[in-house]
């Protein structure tokens, strides 16, 4: 009985220490990456707003070639939705909730995403970000989210750049 009380005592102390630690950590997070793509913005827009095309450049399909993806809602842009099931990258869903020629916003189960397209002299500057707020007991995760999500965004943007720059630009007269 004395051993059980010691175990409970240390479990309580550990739990209180963990909860106290979370009091000093911001539950809010933001991860953002950008890349210059040497094509007009409309080409990037076509690749990003059509969720089916993400399979061509986003890293998650390379990490799990057996990932199951279902699409619903609009074919592209506002209202387009995708749901994925994966033992490797986890399950999730994404919906485009705002869309314009300058970018779009998405809703995910664990946060909000946004894309911004800015025409430049050489093409388009593309920014991809995700932000959100962790529940109190998960606040400590904000210390790691940059390292967890950032590299995937970088690889995804590199894949998007490669795909977009392989598409010939249409001449607009």
Protein backbone atom coordinates (compact mmCIF):
# COMPACT_ATOMS: atom_id res chain seq x y z
CA UNK A 1 0.00 0.00 0.00
CA UNK A 2 2.88 2.36 0.83
CA UNK A 3 4.45 1.71 -2.60
CA UNK A 4 1.15 2.52 -4.33
CA UNK A 5 0.92 5.82 -2.42
CA UNK A 6 4.48 6.69 -3.50
CA UNK A 7 3.62 5.96 -7.13
CA UNK A 8 0.47 8.09 -6.91
CA UNK A 9 2.39 10.89 -5.20
CA UNK A 10 5.04 10.98 -7.95
CA UNK A 11 2.40 10.72 -10.67
CA UNK A 12 0.59 13.73 -9.17
CA UNK A 13 3.82 15.72 -8.86
CA UNK A 14 4.73 14.91 -12.47
CA UNK A 15 1.26 15.90 -13.71
CA UNK A 16 1.31 19.19 -11.78
CA UNK A 17 4.81 19.99 -13.07
CA UNK A 18 3.70 19.30 -16.64
CA UNK A 19 0.60 21.47 -16.27
CA UNK A 20 2.66 24.26 -14.67
CA UNK A 21 5.14 24.06 -17.55
CA UNK A 22 2.28 24.54 -20.04
CA UNK A 23 1.24 27.75 -18.26
CA UNK A 24 4.41 29.43 -19.55
CA UNK A 25 4.14 28.27 -23.16
CA UNK A 26 2.01 30.07 -25.71
CA UNK A 27 -0.62 27.74 -27.15
CA UNK A 28 -0.57 29.69 -30.44
CA UNK A 29 1.67 28.72 -33.32
CA UNK A 30 2.46 29.77 -36.88
CA UNK A 31 4.63 28.07 -39.48
CA UNK A 32 5.35 29.84 -42.77
CA UNK A 33 7.55 29.18 -45.78
CA UNK A 34 7.96 30.99 -49.11
CA UNK A 35 9.46 30.33 -52.51
CA UNK A 36 9.92 32.25 -55.75
CA UNK A 37 8.41 30.35 -58.68
CA UNK A 38 9.39 31.51 -62.17
CA UNK A 39 5.90 31.38 -63.70
CA UNK A 40 2.86 33.68 -63.71
CA UNK A 41 0.58 33.49 -60.65
CA UNK A 42 -2.28 31.85 -62.58
CA UNK A 43 -0.20 28.67 -63.05
CA UNK A 44 0.51 28.46 -59.30
CA UNK A 45 -3.16 29.22 -58.59
CA UNK A 46 -4.28 26.31 -60.80
CA UNK A 47 -1.99 23.88 -58.95
CA UNK A 48 -2.88 25.01 -55.43
CA UNK A 49 -6.65 25.55 -55.70
CA UNK A 50 -7.24 22.14 -57.30
CA UNK A 51 -6.70 19.81 -54.33
CA UNK A 52 -6.40 16.79 -56.63
CA UNK A 53 -3.20 18.29 -58.04
CA UNK A 54 -1.56 18.35 -54.61
CA UNK A 55 -0.67 14.69 -55.15
CA UNK A 56 1.77 15.87 -57.85
CA UNK A 57 3.82 18.10 -55.57
CA UNK A 58 2.95 17.85 -51.84
CA UNK A 59 5.36 15.72 -49.82
CA UNK A 60 2.74 13.68 -47.97
CA UNK A 61 1.93 11.50 -50.97
CA UNK A 62 5.63 10.73 -51.38
CA UNK A 63 5.90 9.80 -47.71
CA UNK A 64 2.94 7.42 -48.01
CA UNK A 65 2.21 6.09 -51.48
CA UNK A 66 -0.65 4.03 -50.01
CA UNK A 67 -2.43 7.08 -48.60
CA UNK A 68 -6.16 7.05 -49.32
CA UNK A 69 -7.52 10.42 -50.43
CA UNK A 70 -11.16 11.36 -51.09
CA UNK A 71 -12.34 14.61 -52.63
CA UNK A 72 -15.72 16.31 -52.34
CA UNK A 73 -17.36 19.69 -52.73
CA UNK A 74 -16.26 22.01 -55.51
CA UNK A 75 -13.77 20.69 -58.04
CA UNK A 76 -11.42 23.57 -57.22
CA UNK A 77 -11.38 26.74 -55.19
CA UNK A 78 -13.96 27.72 -52.58
CA UNK A 79 -15.68 24.67 -51.12
CA UNK A 80 -13.20 22.08 -52.41
CA UNK A 81 -12.48 19.45 -49.75
CA UNK A 82 -10.15 16.52 -49.28
CA UNK A 83 -9.96 13.86 -46.62
CA UNK A 84 -6.97 11.54 -46.27
CA UNK A 85 -6.25 8.37 -44.35
CA UNK A 86 -2.63 7.39 -43.76
CA UNK A 87 -0.76 5.19 -41.34
CA UNK A 88 2.41 7.19 -42.07
CA UNK A 89 1.36 10.88 -42.05
CA UNK A 90 -1.86 10.53 -40.06
CA UNK A 91 -5.47 11.13 -40.99
CA UNK A 92 -6.84 14.57 -41.77
CA UNK A 93 -9.07 16.82 -43.77
CA UNK A 94 -8.74 20.16 -45.51
CA UNK A 95 -11.32 22.54 -46.97
CA UNK A 96 -10.80 25.73 -48.97
CA UNK A 97 -12.80 28.39 -47.12
CA UNK A 98 -11.63 31.52 -48.99
CA UNK A 99 -10.21 31.86 -52.47
CA UNK A 100 -9.06 34.73 -54.70
CA UNK A 101 -6.43 35.31 -57.36
CA UNK A 102 -4.07 36.54 -54.61
CA UNK A 103 -4.35 33.38 -52.49
CA UNK A 104 -6.60 31.16 -50.44
CA UNK A 105 -7.37 30.08 -46.89
CA UNK A 106 -7.94 26.53 -45.72
CA UNK A 107 -9.43 24.93 -42.65
CA UNK A 108 -7.79 21.86 -41.16
CA UNK A 109 -8.75 19.86 -38.09
CA UNK A 110 -5.69 21.19 -36.23
CA UNK A 111 -5.40 24.73 -37.60
CA UNK A 112 -5.84 27.16 -40.44
CA UNK A 113 -3.77 27.33 -43.59
CA UNK A 114 -3.20 30.18 -45.98
CA UNK A 115 -1.56 30.72 -49.32
CA UNK A 116 -0.49 34.06 -50.76
CA UNK A 117 0.54 34.65 -54.39
CA UNK A 118 2.41 37.85 -55.24
CA UNK A 119 3.46 38.63 -58.81
CA UNK A 120 7.12 39.61 -59.06
CA UNK A 121 9.40 40.67 -61.88
CA UNK A 122 10.52 37.05 -62.41
CA UNK A 123 7.32 35.18 -61.60
CA UNK A 124 5.40 34.63 -58.39
CA UNK A 125 6.35 34.72 -54.73
CA UNK A 126 4.35 31.97 -53.00
CA UNK A 127 3.87 31.89 -49.23
CA UNK A 128 2.32 28.92 -47.43
CA UNK A 129 1.46 29.14 -43.76
CA UNK A 130 -0.41 27.32 -41.03
CA UNK A 131 -1.49 28.75 -37.71
CA UNK A 132 -3.65 27.71 -34.81
CA UNK A 133 -4.01 27.31 -31.09
CA UNK A 134 -3.26 24.11 -29.20
CA UNK A 135 -5.46 22.93 -26.33
CA UNK A 136 -3.93 23.69 -22.91
CA UNK A 137 -2.53 20.22 -22.28
CA UNK A 138 -0.96 20.20 -25.76
CA UNK A 139 0.66 23.68 -25.53
CA UNK A 140 4.11 22.10 -25.26
CA UNK A 141 3.68 20.90 -28.88
CA UNK A 142 4.09 24.49 -30.11
CA UNK A 143 7.79 24.16 -29.23
CA UNK A 144 8.15 21.42 -31.87
CA UNK A 145 5.64 22.33 -34.58
CA UNK A 146 8.09 24.48 -36.56
CA UNK A 147 10.48 21.51 -36.86
CA UNK A 148 7.65 19.09 -37.59
CA UNK A 149 5.78 21.08 -40.26
CA UNK A 150 8.39 23.49 -41.67
CA UNK A 151 10.45 20.89 -43.59
CA UNK A 152 7.28 19.44 -45.15
CA UNK A 153 6.25 22.91 -46.33
CA UNK A 154 9.74 23.47 -47.78
CA UNK A 155 9.65 20.16 -49.67
CA UNK A 156 6.09 20.82 -50.80
CA UNK A 157 6.98 24.27 -52.13
CA UNK A 158 10.03 22.81 -53.91
CA UNK A 159 7.74 20.22 -55.52
CA UNK A 160 5.21 22.93 -56.44
CA UNK A 161 8.01 25.00 -58.01
CA UNK A 162 9.20 22.01 -60.05
CA UNK A 163 5.69 21.17 -61.29
CA UNK A 164 4.74 24.79 -62.06
CA UNK A 165 7.97 25.55 -63.89
CA UNK A 166 7.44 22.50 -66.12
CA UNK A 167 4.10 23.91 -67.35
CA UNK A 168 4.39 26.22 -70.36
CA UNK A 169 2.89 29.66 -69.75
CA UNK A 170 -0.01 30.65 -72.01
CA UNK A 171 0.45 33.77 -74.06
CA UNK A 172 -2.08 36.45 -73.10
CA UNK A 173 -2.60 39.02 -75.86
